[in-house]
């Protein structure tokens, strides 16, 4: 869940990729993985595809609503 507006990037994890949308504060995204460094959640893309859309896992921006998935997926 986004604690405040959080940009969603497409491509590889990181904020140097193309921003495709924003998760508004209070909005949830379906997490499908975690980057190898644990800094990014992989989420379902805005067009409902399961691909390479990422949102920061920084605790000031997002928090899990259920237990995190085990291990990195990148």
N, C-alpha and C. Protein backbone atom coordinates (compact mmCIF):
# COMPACT_ATOMS: atom_id res chain seq x y z
N UNK A 1 0.84 -1.17 0.00
CA UNK A 1 0.00 0.00 0.00
C UNK A 1 0.89 1.24 0.00
N UNK A 2 0.51 2.21 -0.81
CA UNK A 2 1.26 3.47 -0.85
C UNK A 2 0.86 4.32 0.35
N UNK A 3 1.84 4.80 1.09
CA UNK A 3 1.59 5.67 2.23
C UNK A 3 1.44 7.12 1.79
N UNK A 4 1.99 7.43 0.64
CA UNK A 4 1.86 8.73 -0.02
C UNK A 4 2.00 8.44 -1.51
N UNK A 5 1.77 9.43 -2.35
CA UNK A 5 1.89 9.20 -3.78
C UNK A 5 3.27 8.62 -4.09
N UNK A 6 3.28 7.49 -4.81
CA UNK A 6 4.54 6.79 -5.11
C UNK A 6 4.58 6.50 -6.61
N UNK A 7 5.64 6.96 -7.30
CA UNK A 7 5.76 6.70 -8.73
C UNK A 7 5.95 5.22 -9.03
N UNK A 8 5.37 4.79 -10.15
CA UNK A 8 5.53 3.42 -10.64
C UNK A 8 6.35 3.50 -11.92
N UNK A 9 7.42 2.71 -11.96
CA UNK A 9 8.34 2.71 -13.09
C UNK A 9 8.24 1.39 -13.84
N UNK A 10 8.48 1.46 -15.15
CA UNK A 10 8.45 0.26 -15.97
C UNK A 10 9.85 -0.01 -16.50
N UNK A 11 10.25 -1.26 -16.48
CA UNK A 11 11.59 -1.66 -16.92
C UNK A 11 12.26 -2.41 -15.80
N UNK A 12 13.50 -2.09 -15.54
CA UNK A 12 14.24 -2.68 -14.43
C UNK A 12 13.97 -1.86 -13.17
N UNK A 13 14.16 -2.44 -11.97
CA UNK A 13 13.93 -1.67 -10.75
C UNK A 13 14.84 -0.45 -10.69
N UNK A 14 14.28 0.67 -10.32
CA UNK A 14 15.05 1.90 -10.18
C UNK A 14 14.29 3.10 -10.70
N UNK A 15 14.64 4.26 -10.19
CA UNK A 15 13.91 5.46 -10.57
C UNK A 15 14.49 6.14 -11.80
N UNK A 16 15.40 5.45 -12.51
CA UNK A 16 15.92 6.00 -13.76
C UNK A 16 15.14 5.48 -14.97
N UNK A 17 14.16 4.63 -14.73
CA UNK A 17 13.33 4.05 -15.79
C UNK A 17 12.16 4.98 -16.10
N UNK A 18 11.35 4.60 -17.07
CA UNK A 18 10.18 5.38 -17.47
C UNK A 18 9.09 5.28 -16.41
N UNK A 19 8.62 6.44 -15.90
CA UNK A 19 7.50 6.44 -14.97
C UNK A 19 6.22 6.26 -15.77
N UNK A 20 5.40 5.26 -15.40
CA UNK A 20 4.18 4.98 -16.15
C UNK A 20 2.92 5.41 -15.43
N UNK A 21 2.98 5.55 -14.12
CA UNK A 21 1.82 5.98 -13.35
C UNK A 21 2.27 6.30 -11.93
N UNK A 22 1.32 6.59 -11.09
CA UNK A 22 1.57 6.85 -9.68
C UNK A 22 0.55 6.06 -8.86
N UNK A 23 1.02 5.40 -7.81
CA UNK A 23 0.10 4.84 -6.82
C UNK A 23 -0.23 5.97 -5.86
N UNK A 24 -1.48 6.32 -5.76
CA UNK A 24 -1.89 7.40 -4.86
C UNK A 24 -1.81 6.92 -3.41
N UNK A 25 -1.56 7.84 -2.50
CA UNK A 25 -1.55 7.49 -1.08
C UNK A 25 -2.80 6.72 -0.70
N UNK A 26 -2.66 5.57 -0.07
CA UNK A 26 -3.77 4.71 0.31
C UNK A 26 -4.12 3.66 -0.73
N UNK A 27 -3.62 3.81 -1.95
CA UNK A 27 -3.90 2.84 -3.01
C UNK A 27 -2.99 1.63 -2.85
N UNK A 28 -3.49 0.47 -3.23
CA UNK A 28 -2.69 -0.75 -3.16
C UNK A 28 -2.36 -1.24 -4.57
N UNK A 29 -1.27 -1.96 -4.67
CA UNK A 29 -0.87 -2.61 -5.91
C UNK A 29 -0.61 -4.08 -5.60
N UNK A 30 -0.85 -4.92 -6.59
CA UNK A 30 -0.63 -6.35 -6.41
C UNK A 30 0.86 -6.64 -6.61
N UNK A 31 1.53 -7.02 -5.54
CA UNK A 31 2.96 -7.30 -5.58
C UNK A 31 3.19 -8.69 -6.13
N UNK A 32 4.12 -8.78 -7.11
CA UNK A 32 4.45 -10.06 -7.71
C UNK A 32 5.90 -10.45 -7.47
N UNK A 33 6.66 -9.59 -6.79
CA UNK A 33 8.05 -9.91 -6.51
C UNK A 33 8.76 -8.78 -5.80
N UNK A 34 10.02 -9.01 -5.52
CA UNK A 34 10.88 -8.06 -4.81
C UNK A 34 12.22 -8.03 -5.52
N UNK A 35 12.80 -6.83 -5.69
CA UNK A 35 14.11 -6.74 -6.34
C UNK A 35 15.17 -7.44 -5.49
N UNK A 36 16.27 -7.80 -6.13
CA UNK A 36 17.32 -8.54 -5.43
C UNK A 36 17.92 -7.76 -4.27
N UNK A 37 17.88 -6.41 -4.35
CA UNK A 37 18.42 -5.60 -3.25
C UNK A 37 17.35 -5.25 -2.20
N UNK A 38 16.11 -5.69 -2.43
CA UNK A 38 15.03 -5.47 -1.47
C UNK A 38 14.48 -4.04 -1.46
N UNK A 39 14.87 -3.22 -2.43
CA UNK A 39 14.46 -1.82 -2.43
C UNK A 39 13.24 -1.52 -3.30
N UNK A 40 12.80 -2.50 -4.09
CA UNK A 40 11.70 -2.27 -5.03
C UNK A 40 10.72 -3.44 -5.02
N UNK A 41 9.42 -3.12 -5.01
CA UNK A 41 8.37 -4.12 -5.18
C UNK A 41 8.06 -4.22 -6.68
N UNK A 42 7.99 -5.42 -7.22
CA UNK A 42 7.48 -5.61 -8.57
C UNK A 42 5.97 -5.75 -8.44
N UNK A 43 5.23 -4.96 -9.21
CA UNK A 43 3.78 -4.98 -9.12
C UNK A 43 3.15 -5.22 -10.49
N UNK A 44 1.86 -5.55 -10.49
CA UNK A 44 1.12 -5.68 -11.74
C UNK A 44 1.08 -4.30 -12.39
N UNK A 45 1.41 -4.24 -13.68
CA UNK A 45 1.45 -2.98 -14.41
C UNK A 45 0.05 -2.38 -14.56
N UNK A 46 -0.03 -1.08 -14.83
CA UNK A 46 -1.32 -0.41 -14.95
C UNK A 46 -2.24 -1.02 -16.01
N UNK A 47 -1.68 -1.66 -17.03
CA UNK A 47 -2.52 -2.28 -18.05
C UNK A 47 -2.88 -3.72 -17.69
N UNK A 48 -2.69 -4.07 -16.40
CA UNK A 48 -3.02 -5.39 -15.83
C UNK A 48 -2.09 -6.51 -16.29
N UNK A 49 -0.96 -6.16 -16.87
CA UNK A 49 0.00 -7.20 -17.22
C UNK A 49 0.94 -7.42 -16.05
N UNK A 50 1.41 -8.64 -15.94
CA UNK A 50 2.42 -8.95 -14.93
C UNK A 50 3.74 -8.89 -15.65
N UNK A 51 4.42 -7.80 -15.48
CA UNK A 51 5.67 -7.58 -16.19
C UNK A 51 6.67 -6.91 -15.30
N UNK A 52 7.26 -5.87 -15.82
CA UNK A 52 8.31 -5.20 -15.09
C UNK A 52 7.88 -3.81 -14.67
N UNK A 53 6.93 -3.74 -13.77
CA UNK A 53 6.55 -2.47 -13.16
C UNK A 53 7.00 -2.51 -11.71
N UNK A 54 7.58 -1.39 -11.26
CA UNK A 54 8.22 -1.35 -9.95
C UNK A 54 7.81 -0.11 -9.18
N UNK A 55 7.67 -0.27 -7.87
CA UNK A 55 7.42 0.84 -6.96
C UNK A 55 8.38 0.69 -5.79
N UNK A 56 8.82 1.79 -5.25
CA UNK A 56 9.80 1.76 -4.17
C UNK A 56 9.27 0.98 -2.96
N UNK A 57 10.14 0.21 -2.35
CA UNK A 57 9.80 -0.50 -1.12
C UNK A 57 10.24 0.29 0.11
N UNK A 58 10.64 1.56 -0.08
CA UNK A 58 11.08 2.38 1.04
C UNK A 58 9.92 2.53 2.03
N UNK A 59 10.15 2.31 3.32
CA UNK A 59 9.06 2.34 4.30
C UNK A 59 8.38 3.70 4.46
N UNK A 60 8.98 4.77 3.95
CA UNK A 60 8.30 6.07 3.97
C UNK A 60 7.26 6.18 2.85
N UNK A 61 7.40 5.32 1.82
CA UNK A 61 6.50 5.39 0.66
C UNK A 61 5.48 4.27 0.62
N UNK A 62 5.90 3.07 0.98
CA UNK A 62 5.01 1.91 0.86
C UNK A 62 5.15 0.99 2.06
N UNK A 63 4.12 0.18 2.27
CA UNK A 63 4.19 -0.86 3.30
C UNK A 63 3.38 -2.06 2.84
N UNK A 64 3.84 -3.26 3.17
CA UNK A 64 3.09 -4.45 2.78
C UNK A 64 1.80 -4.55 3.60
N UNK A 65 0.76 -5.03 2.98
CA UNK A 65 -0.50 -5.27 3.69
C UNK A 65 -0.62 -6.73 4.11
N UNK A 66 0.23 -7.60 3.56
CA UNK A 66 0.34 -8.99 3.98
C UNK A 66 1.82 -9.29 4.07
N UNK A 67 2.17 -10.50 4.47
CA UNK A 67 3.57 -10.87 4.62
C UNK A 67 4.29 -10.75 3.28
N UNK A 68 5.51 -10.18 3.27
CA UNK A 68 6.28 -10.08 2.02
C UNK A 68 6.58 -11.45 1.44
N UNK A 69 6.74 -11.49 0.13
CA UNK A 69 7.10 -12.73 -0.55
C UNK A 69 8.53 -13.09 -0.18
N UNK A 70 8.83 -14.38 -0.03
CA UNK A 70 10.19 -14.77 0.33
C UNK A 70 11.17 -14.59 -0.82
N UNK A 71 12.33 -14.05 -0.52
CA UNK A 71 13.43 -14.00 -1.48
C UNK A 71 13.26 -13.06 -2.64
N UNK A 72 14.36 -12.64 -3.24
CA UNK A 72 14.33 -11.76 -4.39
C UNK A 72 13.85 -12.47 -5.64
N UNK A 73 13.28 -11.69 -6.57
CA UNK A 73 12.76 -12.27 -7.80
C UNK A 73 13.40 -11.69 -9.05
N UNK A 74 14.32 -10.79 -8.89
CA UNK A 74 14.95 -10.18 -10.07
C UNK A 74 16.10 -11.02 -10.52
